[in-house]
Amino acid sequence: MKTPNSPEVARDWIARGFRTVEDIVYVGLGLLLTASAIVLLISGGIEFVQTLAAGTFVHSAIELLDRILLILLIVELLYTVQVSFRTHALLPEPFLLVGLIAAIRRVLVITAEFSHMPQRTETMYRDFFYELAILTGLILAVTISLVLVRRHNAMGTEM
């Protein structure tokens, strides 16, 4: 039985304090991520309309794609914060999804940028293919990790 001065009561009180601080930090992160996503979405919408009106959309499509994927990444980070806030645990799956989106975003952007470069040197080709190969390996590793985590979770819920 816990007495008012027992070590268990002190530990419970300290643990509740840490959970409260953790919740405050998660709420702050969530608010910052939400504001960032909204600002990027609004400014992206404004730029989209302006480039369509000016007839320069083709030239700014890569930047718009990059912004859209960045917004998606922020939303996925917001989901990660929400899951962590709700469960008070760091789960690997949301972080793996964020990593996968970030890697795919980078592949799409560098591929689009490289295809629009007017002059390409041998060094530029080499650097492009190295980065593409590394990102492809990263995407494969994260995808395999996601499959393994989901399989592990499915097995854990069946038992």
N, C-alpha and C. Protein backbone atom coordinates (compact mmCIF):
# COMPACT_ATOMS: atom_id res chain seq x y z
N MET A 1 0.84 -1.18 0.00
CA MET A 1 0.00 0.00 0.00
C MET A 1 0.88 1.24 0.00
N LYS A 2 0.47 2.23 -0.80
CA LYS A 2 1.28 3.44 -0.93
C LYS A 2 0.92 4.42 0.19
N THR A 3 1.93 4.81 0.91
CA THR A 3 1.74 5.85 1.92
C THR A 3 2.10 7.19 1.30
N PRO A 4 1.60 8.30 1.87
CA PRO A 4 1.85 9.61 1.26
C PRO A 4 3.32 9.93 1.04
N ASN A 5 4.21 9.40 1.83
CA ASN A 5 5.63 9.71 1.70
C ASN A 5 6.43 8.58 1.06
N SER A 6 5.76 7.61 0.49
CA SER A 6 6.48 6.47 -0.07
C SER A 6 7.15 6.85 -1.39
N PRO A 7 8.21 6.12 -1.75
CA PRO A 7 8.89 6.39 -3.03
C PRO A 7 7.99 6.18 -4.24
N GLU A 8 7.02 5.25 -4.14
CA GLU A 8 6.12 5.01 -5.27
C GLU A 8 5.26 6.23 -5.57
N VAL A 9 4.80 6.91 -4.53
CA VAL A 9 3.99 8.11 -4.72
C VAL A 9 4.83 9.20 -5.39
N ALA A 10 6.05 9.36 -4.96
CA ALA A 10 6.94 10.36 -5.55
C ALA A 10 7.20 10.03 -7.02
N ARG A 11 7.45 8.75 -7.32
CA ARG A 11 7.68 8.34 -8.71
C ARG A 11 6.45 8.60 -9.58
N ASP A 12 5.27 8.29 -9.05
CA ASP A 12 4.03 8.54 -9.80
C ASP A 12 3.85 10.02 -10.08
N TRP A 13 4.13 10.86 -9.09
CA TRP A 13 3.98 12.30 -9.24
C TRP A 13 4.97 12.84 -10.28
N ILE A 14 6.21 12.36 -10.22
CA ILE A 14 7.23 12.79 -11.19
C ILE A 14 6.87 12.31 -12.60
N ALA A 15 6.41 11.06 -12.71
CA ALA A 15 6.02 10.52 -14.02
C ALA A 15 4.87 11.33 -14.61
N ARG A 16 3.87 11.70 -13.80
CA ARG A 16 2.77 12.53 -14.29
C ARG A 16 3.28 13.89 -14.76
N GLY A 17 4.24 14.44 -14.04
CA GLY A 17 4.83 15.72 -14.44
C GLY A 17 5.52 15.62 -15.79
N PHE A 18 6.29 14.55 -15.99
CA PHE A 18 6.96 14.36 -17.29
C PHE A 18 5.95 14.15 -18.41
N ARG A 19 4.87 13.40 -18.14
CA ARG A 19 3.84 13.21 -19.16
C ARG A 19 3.18 14.53 -19.54
N THR A 20 2.97 15.39 -18.55
CA THR A 20 2.38 16.70 -18.82
C THR A 20 3.30 17.54 -19.69
N VAL A 21 4.58 17.56 -19.36
CA VAL A 21 5.55 18.31 -20.18
C VAL A 21 5.60 17.73 -21.59
N GLU A 22 5.60 16.42 -21.70
CA GLU A 22 5.61 15.76 -23.01
C GLU A 22 4.38 16.17 -23.82
N ASP A 23 3.20 16.19 -23.17
CA ASP A 23 1.98 16.60 -23.86
C ASP A 23 2.06 18.05 -24.34
N ILE A 24 2.60 18.92 -23.52
CA ILE A 24 2.74 20.34 -23.90
C ILE A 24 3.65 20.46 -25.11
N VAL A 25 4.75 19.73 -25.12
CA VAL A 25 5.68 19.78 -26.25
C VAL A 25 5.01 19.24 -27.51
N TYR A 26 4.26 18.13 -27.40
CA TYR A 26 3.57 17.57 -28.56
C TYR A 26 2.53 18.55 -29.10
N VAL A 27 1.80 19.21 -28.22
CA VAL A 27 0.81 20.19 -28.68
C VAL A 27 1.50 21.35 -29.39
N GLY A 28 2.61 21.83 -28.84
CA GLY A 28 3.37 22.90 -29.48
C GLY A 28 3.88 22.48 -30.85
N LEU A 29 4.43 21.29 -30.95
CA LEU A 29 4.90 20.78 -32.24
C LEU A 29 3.75 20.66 -33.23
N GLY A 30 2.64 20.16 -32.76
CA GLY A 30 1.47 20.01 -33.63
C GLY A 30 0.99 21.35 -34.16
N LEU A 31 0.96 22.36 -33.30
CA LEU A 31 0.54 23.69 -33.73
C LEU A 31 1.50 24.28 -34.76
N LEU A 32 2.80 24.13 -34.51
CA LEU A 32 3.79 24.65 -35.47
C LEU A 32 3.71 23.93 -36.81
N LEU A 33 3.56 22.61 -36.78
CA LEU A 33 3.44 21.85 -38.03
C LEU A 33 2.17 22.22 -38.78
N THR A 34 1.07 22.38 -38.05
CA THR A 34 -0.20 22.76 -38.67
C THR A 34 -0.09 24.13 -39.33
N ALA A 35 0.47 25.09 -38.61
CA ALA A 35 0.63 26.44 -39.17
C ALA A 35 1.53 26.41 -40.40
N SER A 36 2.61 25.64 -40.34
CA SER A 36 3.52 25.54 -41.49
C SER A 36 2.81 24.96 -42.70
N ALA A 37 2.06 23.90 -42.50
CA ALA A 37 1.35 23.26 -43.62
C ALA A 37 0.33 24.21 -44.23
N ILE A 38 -0.40 24.93 -43.39
CA ILE A 38 -1.41 25.86 -43.89
C ILE A 38 -0.77 27.00 -44.66
N VAL A 39 0.31 27.57 -44.13
CA VAL A 39 1.00 28.66 -44.83
C VAL A 39 1.54 28.18 -46.17
N LEU A 40 2.16 27.01 -46.19
CA LEU A 40 2.68 26.47 -47.46
C LEU A 40 1.56 26.19 -48.45
N LEU A 41 0.44 25.69 -47.96
CA LEU A 41 -0.69 25.38 -48.83
C LEU A 41 -1.27 26.66 -49.44
N ILE A 42 -1.45 27.67 -48.62
CA ILE A 42 -2.00 28.94 -49.12
C ILE A 42 -1.03 29.61 -50.10
N SER A 43 0.24 29.69 -49.72
CA SER A 43 1.21 30.32 -50.63
C SER A 43 1.37 29.51 -51.91
N GLY A 44 1.30 28.19 -51.80
CA GLY A 44 1.37 27.36 -53.00
C GLY A 44 0.17 27.57 -53.91
N GLY A 45 -1.00 27.71 -53.32
CA GLY A 45 -2.20 27.99 -54.11
C GLY A 45 -2.11 29.33 -54.82
N ILE A 46 -1.61 30.34 -54.11
CA ILE A 46 -1.44 31.67 -54.71
C ILE A 46 -0.44 31.61 -55.86
N GLU A 47 0.70 30.95 -55.63
CA GLU A 47 1.71 30.84 -56.71
C GLU A 47 1.16 30.06 -57.90
N PHE A 48 0.37 29.03 -57.64
CA PHE A 48 -0.22 28.23 -58.71
C PHE A 48 -1.11 29.09 -59.60
N VAL A 49 -1.98 29.88 -58.97
CA VAL A 49 -2.88 30.75 -59.73
C VAL A 49 -2.07 31.80 -60.49
N GLN A 50 -1.05 32.37 -59.85
CA GLN A 50 -0.23 33.40 -60.52
C GLN A 50 0.52 32.83 -61.72
N THR A 51 1.08 31.64 -61.58
CA THR A 51 1.81 31.05 -62.72
C THR A 51 0.88 30.64 -63.84
N LEU A 52 -0.33 30.20 -63.49
CA LEU A 52 -1.30 29.89 -64.54
C LEU A 52 -1.69 31.15 -65.30
N ALA A 53 -1.94 32.23 -64.56
CA ALA A 53 -2.34 33.49 -65.19
C ALA A 53 -1.21 34.07 -66.04
N ALA A 54 0.03 33.89 -65.59
CA ALA A 54 1.18 34.42 -66.33
C ALA A 54 1.62 33.49 -67.45
N GLY A 55 1.09 32.29 -67.49
CA GLY A 55 1.48 31.33 -68.52
C GLY A 55 2.85 30.73 -68.30
N THR A 56 3.34 30.75 -67.07
CA THR A 56 4.68 30.21 -66.76
C THR A 56 4.61 28.96 -65.90
N PHE A 57 3.46 28.30 -65.90
CA PHE A 57 3.29 27.12 -65.04
C PHE A 57 4.30 26.02 -65.36
N VAL A 58 4.58 25.83 -66.62
CA VAL A 58 5.50 24.76 -67.03
C VAL A 58 6.87 24.94 -66.36
N HIS A 59 7.31 26.18 -66.24
CA HIS A 59 8.62 26.46 -65.65
C HIS A 59 8.63 26.32 -64.12
N SER A 60 7.48 26.48 -63.50
CA SER A 60 7.44 26.41 -62.03
C SER A 60 6.77 25.14 -61.52
N ALA A 61 6.49 24.20 -62.39
CA ALA A 61 5.82 22.96 -61.98
C ALA A 61 6.68 22.16 -61.01
N ILE A 62 7.99 22.17 -61.20
CA ILE A 62 8.89 21.43 -60.31
C ILE A 62 8.83 21.99 -58.89
N GLU A 63 8.84 23.32 -58.80
CA GLU A 63 8.75 23.96 -57.48
C GLU A 63 7.42 23.66 -56.82
N LEU A 64 6.34 23.64 -57.60
CA LEU A 64 5.02 23.32 -57.06
C LEU A 64 4.98 21.87 -56.57
N LEU A 65 5.53 20.97 -57.36
CA LEU A 65 5.60 19.57 -56.95
C LEU A 65 6.39 19.42 -55.65
N ASP A 66 7.51 20.11 -55.56
CA ASP A 66 8.32 20.07 -54.34
C ASP A 66 7.52 20.58 -53.15
N ARG A 67 6.79 21.65 -53.34
CA ARG A 67 5.99 22.23 -52.25
C ARG A 67 4.87 21.28 -51.83
N ILE A 68 4.20 20.66 -52.80
CA ILE A 68 3.12 19.72 -52.50
C ILE A 68 3.65 18.55 -51.68
N LEU A 69 4.79 18.02 -52.10
CA LEU A 69 5.38 16.90 -51.38
C LEU A 69 5.87 17.31 -49.99
N LEU A 70 6.34 18.54 -49.85
CA LEU A 70 6.74 19.05 -48.54
C LEU A 70 5.53 19.17 -47.62
N ILE A 71 4.40 19.64 -48.16
CA ILE A 71 3.17 19.72 -47.37
C ILE A 71 2.74 18.33 -46.93
N LEU A 72 2.82 17.36 -47.84
CA LEU A 72 2.48 15.98 -47.50
C LEU A 72 3.40 15.45 -46.40
N LEU A 73 4.67 15.79 -46.47
CA LEU A 73 5.63 15.38 -45.45
C LEU A 73 5.28 16.00 -44.10
N ILE A 74 4.92 17.27 -44.10
CA ILE A 74 4.55 17.94 -42.85
C ILE A 74 3.29 17.32 -42.26
N VAL A 75 2.32 17.01 -43.11
CA VAL A 75 1.09 16.38 -42.62
C VAL A 75 1.40 15.01 -42.02
N GLU A 76 2.28 14.29 -42.64
CA GLU A 76 2.66 12.97 -42.10
C GLU A 76 3.40 13.14 -40.77
N LEU A 77 4.24 14.17 -40.65
CA LEU A 77 4.89 14.46 -39.37
C LEU A 77 3.85 14.83 -38.32
N LEU A 78 2.83 15.58 -38.72
CA LEU A 78 1.75 15.94 -37.80
C LEU A 78 1.03 14.68 -37.31
N TYR A 79 0.81 13.74 -38.22
CA TYR A 79 0.20 12.46 -37.82
C TYR A 79 1.10 11.73 -36.83
N THR A 80 2.40 11.76 -37.06
CA THR A 80 3.35 11.11 -36.17
C THR A 80 3.28 11.74 -34.77
N VAL A 81 3.20 13.06 -34.72
CA VAL A 81 3.07 13.74 -33.43
C VAL A 81 1.76 13.35 -32.76
N GLN A 82 0.70 13.28 -33.54
CA GLN A 82 -0.61 12.91 -32.99
C GLN A 82 -0.57 11.50 -32.40
N VAL A 83 0.02 10.56 -33.11
CA VAL A 83 0.11 9.18 -32.61
C VAL A 83 0.96 9.14 -31.33
N SER A 84 2.07 9.85 -31.35
CA SER A 84 2.93 9.87 -30.16
C SER A 84 2.22 10.52 -28.98
N PHE A 85 1.43 11.56 -29.24
CA PHE A 85 0.68 12.25 -28.19
C PHE A 85 -0.37 11.32 -27.59
N ARG A 86 -1.07 10.59 -28.46
CA ARG A 86 -2.14 9.70 -28.02
C ARG A 86 -1.61 8.50 -27.25
N THR A 87 -0.56 7.89 -27.75
CA THR A 87 -0.08 6.63 -27.16
C THR A 87 1.03 6.82 -26.14
N HIS A 88 1.63 7.98 -26.11
CA HIS A 88 2.81 8.22 -25.25
C HIS A 88 3.89 7.18 -25.52
N ALA A 89 4.03 6.84 -26.80
CA ALA A 89 5.07 5.91 -27.22
C ALA A 89 5.52 6.30 -28.62
N LEU A 90 6.78 6.04 -28.91
CA LEU A 90 7.29 6.29 -30.25
C LEU A 90 7.14 5.00 -31.05
N LEU A 91 6.25 5.05 -32.03
CA LEU A 91 6.02 3.89 -32.88
C LEU A 91 6.83 4.05 -34.16
N PRO A 92 7.42 2.98 -34.66
CA PRO A 92 8.31 3.10 -35.82
C PRO A 92 7.58 3.38 -37.13
N GLU A 93 6.36 2.89 -37.31
CA GLU A 93 5.69 2.99 -38.61
C GLU A 93 5.50 4.43 -39.09
N PRO A 94 5.00 5.36 -38.27
CA PRO A 94 4.86 6.74 -38.78
C PRO A 94 6.19 7.37 -39.18
N PHE A 95 7.25 7.07 -38.44
CA PHE A 95 8.56 7.63 -38.79
C PHE A 95 9.08 7.03 -40.09
N LEU A 96 8.83 5.75 -40.30
CA LEU A 96 9.24 5.12 -41.55
C LEU A 96 8.48 5.73 -42.73
N LEU A 97 7.19 6.01 -42.54
CA LEU A 97 6.42 6.65 -43.60
C LEU A 97 6.95 8.04 -43.93
N VAL A 98 7.32 8.80 -42.90
CA VAL A 98 7.90 10.12 -43.13
C VAL A 98 9.20 10.00 -43.93
N GLY A 99 10.04 9.04 -43.55
CA GLY A 99 11.30 8.82 -44.27
C GLY A 99 11.06 8.41 -45.71
N LEU A 100 10.06 7.56 -45.94
CA LEU A 100 9.74 7.12 -47.29
C LEU A 100 9.25 8.28 -48.14
N ILE A 101 8.38 9.10 -47.59
CA ILE A 101 7.87 10.27 -48.33
C ILE A 101 9.02 11.23 -48.64
N ALA A 102 9.90 11.45 -47.67
CA ALA A 102 11.02 12.37 -47.88
C ALA A 102 11.94 11.86 -48.99
N ALA A 103 12.22 10.57 -48.99
CA ALA A 103 13.11 10.00 -50.02
C ALA A 103 12.45 10.06 -51.40
N ILE A 104 11.18 9.73 -51.46
CA ILE A 104 10.47 9.79 -52.75
C ILE A 104 10.39 11.23 -53.24
N ARG A 105 10.15 12.14 -52.32
CA ARG A 105 10.12 13.57 -52.68
C ARG A 105 11.44 13.98 -53.32
N ARG A 106 12.53 13.58 -52.70
CA ARG A 106 13.85 13.96 -53.22
C ARG A 106 14.09 13.34 -54.60
N VAL A 107 13.69 12.08 -54.80
CA VAL A 107 13.86 11.43 -56.11
C VAL A 107 13.09 12.20 -57.17
N LEU A 108 11.85 12.53 -56.88
CA LEU A 108 11.04 13.24 -57.87
C LEU A 108 11.62 14.61 -58.20
N VAL A 109 12.07 15.31 -57.17
CA VAL A 109 12.59 16.66 -57.40
C VAL A 109 13.90 16.64 -58.17
N ILE A 110 14.85 15.77 -57.77
CA ILE A 110 16.13 15.78 -58.49
C ILE A 110 15.96 15.27 -59.92
N THR A 111 15.04 14.34 -60.13
CA THR A 111 14.80 13.85 -61.48
C THR A 111 14.22 14.95 -62.35
N ALA A 112 13.25 15.68 -61.80
CA ALA A 112 12.64 16.77 -62.56
C ALA A 112 13.65 17.89 -62.82
N GLU A 113 14.43 18.24 -61.80
CA GLU A 113 15.44 19.30 -61.98
C GLU A 113 16.48 18.90 -63.00
N PHE A 114 16.94 17.65 -62.93
CA PHE A 114 17.99 17.19 -63.84
C PHE A 114 17.50 17.19 -65.29
N SER A 115 16.24 16.84 -65.48
CA SER A 115 15.73 16.79 -66.86
C SER A 115 15.58 18.19 -67.46
N HIS A 116 15.54 19.22 -66.62
CA HIS A 116 15.40 20.59 -67.13
C HIS A 116 16.71 21.37 -67.15
N MET A 117 17.81 20.71 -66.85
CA MET A 117 19.12 21.39 -66.90
C MET A 117 19.54 21.53 -68.36
N PRO A 118 19.89 22.74 -68.77
CA PRO A 118 20.25 22.94 -70.18
C PRO A 118 21.58 22.29 -70.55
N GLN A 119 22.56 22.36 -69.66
CA GLN A 119 23.86 21.76 -69.95
C GLN A 119 24.23 20.84 -68.80
N ARG A 120 24.57 19.61 -69.18
CA ARG A 120 24.93 18.63 -68.16
C ARG A 120 26.35 18.13 -68.43
N THR A 121 27.14 18.16 -67.38
CA THR A 121 28.51 17.66 -67.50
C THR A 121 28.55 16.20 -67.05
N GLU A 122 29.67 15.58 -67.31
CA GLU A 122 29.86 14.19 -66.88
C GLU A 122 29.79 14.08 -65.35
N THR A 123 30.34 15.07 -64.66
CA THR A 123 30.28 15.09 -63.20
C THR A 123 28.84 15.21 -62.71
N MET A 124 28.04 16.01 -63.38
CA MET A 124 26.64 16.16 -63.00
C MET A 124 25.89 14.85 -63.18
N TYR A 125 26.16 14.15 -64.29
CA TYR A 125 25.54 12.84 -64.52
C TYR A 125 25.92 11.86 -63.41
N ARG A 126 27.22 11.82 -63.09
CA ARG A 126 27.71 10.90 -62.08
C ARG A 126 27.06 11.20 -60.71
N ASP A 127 27.06 12.47 -60.32
CA ASP A 127 26.47 12.85 -59.04
C ASP A 127 24.98 12.53 -58.99
N PHE A 128 24.30 12.78 -60.09
CA PHE A 128 22.87 12.49 -60.17
C PHE A 128 22.61 11.00 -59.98
N PHE A 129 23.37 10.18 -60.68
CA PHE A 129 23.15 8.74 -60.59
C PHE A 129 23.56 8.18 -59.23
N TYR A 130 24.60 8.73 -58.61
CA TYR A 130 24.97 8.30 -57.25
C TYR A 130 23.85 8.62 -56.27
N GLU A 131 23.35 9.86 -56.34
CA GLU A 131 22.28 10.25 -55.41
C GLU A 131 21.03 9.42 -55.66
N LEU A 132 20.71 9.17 -56.92
CA LEU A 132 19.55 8.36 -57.26
C LEU A 132 19.71 6.93 -56.76
N ALA A 133 20.90 6.38 -56.89
CA ALA A 133 21.15 5.02 -56.41
C ALA A 133 21.03 4.93 -54.89
N ILE A 134 21.58 5.91 -54.20
CA ILE A 134 21.49 5.92 -52.73
C ILE A 134 20.04 6.07 -52.29
N LEU A 135 19.32 6.97 -52.92
CA LEU A 135 17.91 7.16 -52.56
C LEU A 135 17.08 5.91 -52.87
N THR A 136 17.38 5.24 -53.97
CA THR A 136 16.68 4.01 -54.31
C THR A 136 16.93 2.95 -53.25
N GLY A 137 18.18 2.82 -52.82
CA GLY A 137 18.50 1.88 -51.74
C GLY A 137 17.77 2.24 -50.45
N LEU A 138 17.71 3.53 -50.14
CA LEU A 138 17.01 3.98 -48.95
C LEU A 138 15.52 3.66 -49.04
N ILE A 139 14.92 3.92 -50.19
CA ILE A 139 13.50 3.64 -50.39
C ILE A 139 13.23 2.15 -50.23
N LEU A 140 14.08 1.31 -50.80
CA LEU A 140 13.91 -0.14 -50.65
C LEU A 140 14.04 -0.56 -49.18
N ALA A 141 15.04 -0.03 -48.49
CA ALA A 141 15.25 -0.39 -47.08
C ALA A 141 14.07 0.04 -46.21
N VAL A 142 13.58 1.25 -46.43
CA VAL A 142 12.44 1.74 -45.63
C VAL A 142 11.18 0.94 -45.96
N THR A 143 10.98 0.62 -47.24
CA THR A 143 9.81 -0.16 -47.63
C THR A 143 9.84 -1.55 -47.00
N ILE A 144 11.00 -2.19 -47.03
CA ILE A 144 11.14 -3.50 -46.41
C ILE A 144 10.89 -3.40 -44.90
N SER A 145 11.41 -2.34 -44.30
CA SER A 145 11.19 -2.13 -42.86
C SER A 145 9.71 -1.95 -42.56
N LEU A 146 9.00 -1.19 -43.38
CA LEU A 146 7.56 -1.01 -43.19
C LEU A 146 6.81 -2.33 -43.29
N VAL A 147 7.16 -3.13 -44.28
CA VAL A 147 6.51 -4.43 -44.44
C VAL A 147 6.77 -5.30 -43.21
N LEU A 148 8.01 -5.32 -42.75
CA LEU A 148 8.35 -6.13 -41.58
C LEU A 148 7.64 -5.64 -40.31
N VAL A 149 7.57 -4.33 -40.13
CA VAL A 149 6.87 -3.78 -38.96
C VAL A 149 5.39 -4.13 -39.02
N ARG A 150 4.78 -3.97 -40.18
CA ARG A 150 3.35 -4.29 -40.31
C ARG A 150 3.10 -5.78 -40.12
N ARG A 151 3.98 -6.60 -40.64
CA ARG A 151 3.84 -8.04 -40.46
C ARG A 151 3.99 -8.41 -38.99
N HIS A 152 4.95 -7.79 -38.32
CA HIS A 152 5.17 -8.04 -36.90
C HIS A 152 3.95 -7.60 -36.09
N ASN A 153 3.40 -6.43 -36.42
CA ASN A 153 2.21 -5.94 -35.72
C ASN A 153 1.01 -6.84 -35.96
N ALA A 154 0.85 -7.33 -37.18
CA ALA A 154 -0.26 -8.23 -37.49
C ALA A 154 -0.12 -9.54 -36.73
N MET A 155 1.08 -10.05 -36.63
CA MET A 155 1.31 -11.29 -35.88
C MET A 155 1.07 -11.06 -34.40
N GLY A 156 1.44 -9.89 -33.91
CA GLY A 156 1.26 -9.59 -32.48
C GLY A 156 -0.19 -9.45 -32.09
N THR A 157 -1.04 -8.96 -33.01
CA THR A 157 -2.46 -8.79 -32.70
C THR A 157 -3.22 -10.10 -32.80
N GLU A 158 -2.70 -11.06 -33.58
CA GLU A 158 -3.38 -12.36 -33.72
C GLU A 158 -3.15 -13.24 -32.50
N MET A 159 -2.04 -13.04 -31.83
CA MET A 159 -1.72 -13.92 -30.70
C MET A 159 -2.53 -13.57 -29.48
